[in-house]
Amino acid sequence: MTILEKAKYLFQKGEFIGDRHHLGCKKLLYSLNGKFYEISYLANENVIDFIESRSINFVVKYYADAIDIGNI
């Protein structure tokens, strides 16, 4: 599965949790099947850089101010 196919799958099947900006990249956080996935999008290049699985500790550390973690 290509990175674009993985992203499309997350967009369609996952639940959008929140986003953040880091070093010129937009990071999108999705939840799917009880796991968290972060999509890194380079807006200037219109490219998805990577998709990585993220732990709950990572989510709390980097997204706590952007989302309501009470629902997680």
C-alpha atoms as a PDB file:
ATOM      1  CA  MET A   1       0.000   0.000   0.000  1.00  0.00           C
ATOM      2  CA  THR A   2       1.445   3.400  -0.960  1.00  0.00           C
ATOM      3  CA  ILE A   3       1.581   6.328   1.419  1.00  0.00           C
ATOM      4  CA  LEU A   4      -1.258   8.005  -0.512  1.00  0.00           C
ATOM      5  CA  GLU A   5      -3.408   4.869  -0.233  1.00  0.00           C
ATOM      6  CA  LYS A   6      -2.705   4.717   3.513  1.00  0.00           C
ATOM      7  CA  ALA A   7      -3.646   8.377   3.911  1.00  0.00           C
ATOM      8  CA  LYS A   8      -6.847   7.929   1.911  1.00  0.00           C
ATOM      9  CA  TYR A   9      -7.762   4.934   4.091  1.00  0.00           C
ATOM     10  CA  LEU A  10      -7.223   6.955   7.264  1.00  0.00           C
ATOM     11  CA  PHE A  11      -9.239   9.877   5.866  1.00  0.00           C
ATOM     12  CA  GLN A  12     -12.146   7.558   4.999  1.00  0.00           C
ATOM     13  CA  LYS A  13     -12.114   5.027   7.855  1.00  0.00           C
ATOM     14  CA  GLY A  14     -10.373   6.853  10.692  1.00  0.00           C
ATOM     15  CA  GLU A  15     -11.632   9.508  13.073  1.00  0.00           C
ATOM     16  CA  PHE A  16      -9.964  12.912  12.856  1.00  0.00           C
ATOM     17  CA  ILE A  17      -8.700  13.889  16.318  1.00  0.00           C
ATOM     18  CA  GLY A  18      -6.786  17.127  15.812  1.00  0.00           C
ATOM     19  CA  ASP A  19      -3.935  18.883  14.106  1.00  0.00           C
ATOM     20  CA  ARG A  20      -0.821  20.873  14.879  1.00  0.00           C
ATOM     21  CA  HIS A  21       1.985  22.638  13.048  1.00  0.00           C
ATOM     22  CA  HIS A  22       5.643  21.752  13.523  1.00  0.00           C
ATOM     23  CA  LEU A  23       8.641  23.107  11.581  1.00  0.00           C
ATOM     24  CA  GLY A  24       6.580  24.073   8.533  1.00  0.00           C
ATOM     25  CA  CYS A  25       4.643  20.801   8.454  1.00  0.00           C
ATOM     26  CA  LYS A  26       1.007  20.276   9.213  1.00  0.00           C
ATOM     27  CA  LYS A  27       0.449  17.197  11.377  1.00  0.00           C
ATOM     28  CA  LEU A  28      -2.946  15.495  11.325  1.00  0.00           C
ATOM     29  CA  LEU A  29      -3.886  13.021  14.046  1.00  0.00           C
ATOM     30  CA  TYR A  30      -6.329  10.210  13.338  1.00  0.00           C
ATOM     31  CA  SER A  31      -7.641   7.323  15.405  1.00  0.00           C
ATOM     32  CA  LEU A  32      -8.389   3.951  13.832  1.00  0.00           C
ATOM     33  CA  ASN A  33      -9.115   0.656  15.564  1.00  0.00           C
ATOM     34  CA  GLY A  34      -7.965   1.977  18.936  1.00  0.00           C
ATOM     35  CA  LYS A  35      -4.626   3.257  17.639  1.00  0.00           C
ATOM     36  CA  PHE A  36      -3.395   6.740  16.786  1.00  0.00           C
ATOM     37  CA  TYR A  37      -1.759   7.710  13.504  1.00  0.00           C
ATOM     38  CA  GLU A  38      -0.084  10.977  12.616  1.00  0.00           C
ATOM     39  CA  ILE A  39       0.061  12.174   9.026  1.00  0.00           C
ATOM     40  CA  SER A  40       2.779  14.707   8.226  1.00  0.00           C
ATOM     41  CA  TYR A  41       1.811  17.017   5.359  1.00  0.00           C
ATOM     42  CA  LEU A  42       4.255  19.411   3.699  1.00  0.00           C
ATOM     43  CA  ALA A  43       1.922  22.153   2.507  1.00  0.00           C
ATOM     44  CA  ASN A  44       4.555  24.015   0.466  1.00  0.00           C
ATOM     45  CA  GLU A  45       5.249  20.872  -1.546  1.00  0.00           C
ATOM     46  CA  ASN A  46       1.709  19.434  -1.397  1.00  0.00           C
ATOM     47  CA  VAL A  47       3.180  16.100  -0.248  1.00  0.00           C
ATOM     48  CA  ILE A  48       2.439  13.674   2.548  1.00  0.00           C
ATOM     49  CA  ASP A  49       5.853  13.169   4.140  1.00  0.00           C
ATOM     50  CA  PHE A  50       5.068  10.234   6.432  1.00  0.00           C
ATOM     51  CA  ILE A  51       2.416   8.384   8.407  1.00  0.00           C
ATOM     52  CA  GLU A  52       3.406   6.991  11.790  1.00  0.00           C
ATOM     53  CA  SER A  53       1.678   5.161  14.600  1.00  0.00           C
ATOM     54  CA  ARG A  54       1.691   7.237  17.806  1.00  0.00           C
ATOM     55  CA  SER A  55       1.382   6.266  21.466  1.00  0.00           C
ATOM     56  CA  ILE A  56      -1.125   7.778  23.870  1.00  0.00           C
ATOM     57  CA  ASN A  57       1.809   9.474  25.649  1.00  0.00           C
ATOM     58  CA  PHE A  58       2.808  11.155  22.381  1.00  0.00           C
ATOM     59  CA  VAL A  59      -0.785  12.242  21.745  1.00  0.00           C
ATOM     60  CA  VAL A  60      -1.116  13.772  25.213  1.00  0.00           C
ATOM     61  CA  LYS A  61       2.262  15.511  24.962  1.00  0.00           C
ATOM     62  CA  TYR A  62       1.817  17.045  21.509  1.00  0.00           C
ATOM     63  CA  TYR A  63      -1.955  17.396  21.096  1.00  0.00           C
ATOM     64  CA  ALA A  64      -3.286  18.095  24.602  1.00  0.00           C
ATOM     65  CA  ASP A  65      -3.722  21.815  23.911  1.00  0.00           C
ATOM     66  CA  ALA A  66      -5.359  21.226  20.514  1.00  0.00           C
ATOM     67  CA  ILE A  67      -7.970  18.571  21.359  1.00  0.00           C
ATOM     68  CA  ASP A  68     -10.361  17.452  24.059  1.00  0.00           C
ATOM     69  CA  ILE A  69      -8.484  14.442  25.420  1.00  0.00           C
ATOM     70  CA  GLY A  70     -11.399  13.632  27.713  1.00  0.00           C
ATOM     71  CA  ASN A  71     -12.999  11.736  24.840  1.00  0.00           C
ATOM     72  CA  ILE A  72      -9.935   9.611  24.081  1.00  0.00           C
END
